[in-house]
Amino acid sequence: MKNSTEQRLIDIELKLVSLEDTVQSLNEQVYEQGRQLDELRALCRLLVARLEESAGHVPAVAAVDERPPHY
């Protein structure tokens, strides 16, 4: 039978392996989220540019108090 010190060392090593796996998984998630943020930022820039471009093509809105021509 293993002594308690050896068993404790084994337990610590197992926990370390588990923590290393968790850190690796979290790193992958952070990387993926960073990539998604980059894509969203690029999309926002594109949408802002399109909005600014189309702002010049929007017809002026008639005044609310103005009577229609058939009156």
C-alpha atoms as a PDB file:
ATOM      1  CA  MET A   1       0.000   0.000   0.000  1.00  0.00           C
ATOM      2  CA  LYS A   2       1.219   3.486  -0.821  1.00  0.00           C
ATOM      3  CA  ASN A   3       2.076   5.792   2.003  1.00  0.00           C
ATOM      4  CA  SER A   4       0.024   8.931   2.540  1.00  0.00           C
ATOM      5  CA  THR A   5       2.718  11.296   1.199  1.00  0.00           C
ATOM      6  CA  GLU A   6       2.947   9.373  -2.050  1.00  0.00           C
ATOM      7  CA  GLN A   7      -0.851   9.301  -2.388  1.00  0.00           C
ATOM      8  CA  ARG A   8      -1.042  13.038  -1.705  1.00  0.00           C
ATOM      9  CA  LEU A   9       1.568  13.661  -4.403  1.00  0.00           C
ATOM     10  CA  ILE A  10      -0.422  11.572  -6.872  1.00  0.00           C
ATOM     11  CA  ASP A  11      -3.598  13.503  -5.993  1.00  0.00           C
ATOM     12  CA  ILE A  12      -1.811  16.817  -6.500  1.00  0.00           C
ATOM     13  CA  GLU A  13      -0.449  15.689  -9.868  1.00  0.00           C
ATOM     14  CA  LEU A  14      -3.931  14.614 -10.981  1.00  0.00           C
ATOM     15  CA  LYS A  15      -5.360  17.960  -9.951  1.00  0.00           C
ATOM     16  CA  LEU A  16      -2.567  19.737 -11.813  1.00  0.00           C
ATOM     17  CA  VAL A  17      -3.338  17.808 -14.999  1.00  0.00           C
ATOM     18  CA  SER A  18      -7.007  18.675 -14.632  1.00  0.00           C
ATOM     19  CA  LEU A  19      -6.201  22.359 -14.091  1.00  0.00           C
ATOM     20  CA  GLU A  20      -3.892  22.413 -17.105  1.00  0.00           C
ATOM     21  CA  ASP A  21      -6.706  20.973 -19.243  1.00  0.00           C
ATOM     22  CA  THR A  22      -9.096  23.599 -17.907  1.00  0.00           C
ATOM     23  CA  VAL A  23      -6.654  26.422 -18.634  1.00  0.00           C
ATOM     24  CA  GLN A  24      -6.135  25.126 -22.172  1.00  0.00           C
ATOM     25  CA  SER A  25      -9.889  24.947 -22.740  1.00  0.00           C
ATOM     26  CA  LEU A  26     -10.377  28.474 -21.400  1.00  0.00           C
ATOM     27  CA  ASN A  27      -7.545  29.775 -23.584  1.00  0.00           C
ATOM     28  CA  GLU A  28      -9.223  28.302 -26.639  1.00  0.00           C
ATOM     29  CA  GLN A  29     -12.525  29.933 -25.693  1.00  0.00           C
ATOM     30  CA  VAL A  30     -10.863  33.317 -25.127  1.00  0.00           C
ATOM     31  CA  TYR A  31      -9.119  33.055 -28.496  1.00  0.00           C
ATOM     32  CA  GLU A  32     -12.390  32.183 -30.241  1.00  0.00           C
ATOM     33  CA  GLN A  33     -14.238  35.034 -28.555  1.00  0.00           C
ATOM     34  CA  GLY A  34     -11.472  37.447 -29.551  1.00  0.00           C
ATOM     35  CA  ARG A  35     -11.797  36.276 -33.144  1.00  0.00           C
ATOM     36  CA  GLN A  36     -15.573  36.777 -32.993  1.00  0.00           C
ATOM     37  CA  LEU A  37     -15.087  40.274 -31.556  1.00  0.00           C
ATOM     38  CA  ASP A  38     -12.760  41.130 -34.426  1.00  0.00           C
ATOM     39  CA  GLU A  39     -15.393  39.947 -36.919  1.00  0.00           C
ATOM     40  CA  LEU A  40     -18.123  41.947 -35.182  1.00  0.00           C
ATOM     41  CA  ARG A  41     -15.976  45.083 -35.134  1.00  0.00           C
ATOM     42  CA  ALA A  42     -15.308  44.711 -38.856  1.00  0.00           C
ATOM     43  CA  LEU A  43     -19.019  44.214 -39.496  1.00  0.00           C
ATOM     44  CA  CYS A  44     -19.868  47.307 -37.438  1.00  0.00           C
ATOM     45  CA  ARG A  45     -17.358  49.380 -39.417  1.00  0.00           C
ATOM     46  CA  LEU A  46     -18.895  48.104 -42.645  1.00  0.00           C
ATOM     47  CA  LEU A  47     -22.423  48.896 -41.476  1.00  0.00           C
ATOM     48  CA  VAL A  48     -21.430  52.393 -40.337  1.00  0.00           C
ATOM     49  CA  ALA A  49     -19.796  53.025 -43.705  1.00  0.00           C
ATOM     50  CA  ARG A  50     -22.921  51.832 -45.536  1.00  0.00           C
ATOM     51  CA  LEU A  51     -25.135  53.972 -43.334  1.00  0.00           C
ATOM     52  CA  GLU A  52     -22.988  57.040 -43.940  1.00  0.00           C
ATOM     53  CA  GLU A  53     -22.973  56.313 -47.672  1.00  0.00           C
ATOM     54  CA  SER A  54     -26.732  55.900 -47.841  1.00  0.00           C
ATOM     55  CA  ALA A  55     -27.388  59.004 -45.728  1.00  0.00           C
ATOM     56  CA  GLY A  56     -26.728  61.132 -48.815  1.00  0.00           C
ATOM     57  CA  HIS A  57     -29.331  59.198 -50.816  1.00  0.00           C
ATOM     58  CA  VAL A  58     -32.235  59.557 -48.384  1.00  0.00           C
ATOM     59  CA  PRO A  59     -34.908  61.984 -49.620  1.00  0.00           C
ATOM     60  CA  ALA A  60     -35.798  64.863 -47.350  1.00  0.00           C
ATOM     61  CA  VAL A  61     -38.854  64.220 -45.182  1.00  0.00           C
ATOM     62  CA  ALA A  62     -41.821  66.536 -45.787  1.00  0.00           C
ATOM     63  CA  ALA A  63     -42.903  68.718 -42.908  1.00  0.00           C
ATOM     64  CA  VAL A  64     -45.567  67.138 -40.714  1.00  0.00           C
ATOM     65  CA  ASP A  65     -47.835  70.219 -40.844  1.00  0.00           C
ATOM     66  CA  GLU A  66     -47.741  70.460 -44.617  1.00  0.00           C
ATOM     67  CA  ARG A  67     -51.049  69.790 -46.374  1.00  0.00           C
ATOM     68  CA  PRO A  68     -51.092  67.212 -49.147  1.00  0.00           C
ATOM     69  CA  PRO A  69     -51.372  68.691 -52.672  1.00  0.00           C
ATOM     70  CA  HIS A  70     -55.001  67.577 -53.182  1.00  0.00           C
ATOM     71  CA  TYR A  71     -56.350  69.974 -50.491  1.00  0.00           C
END
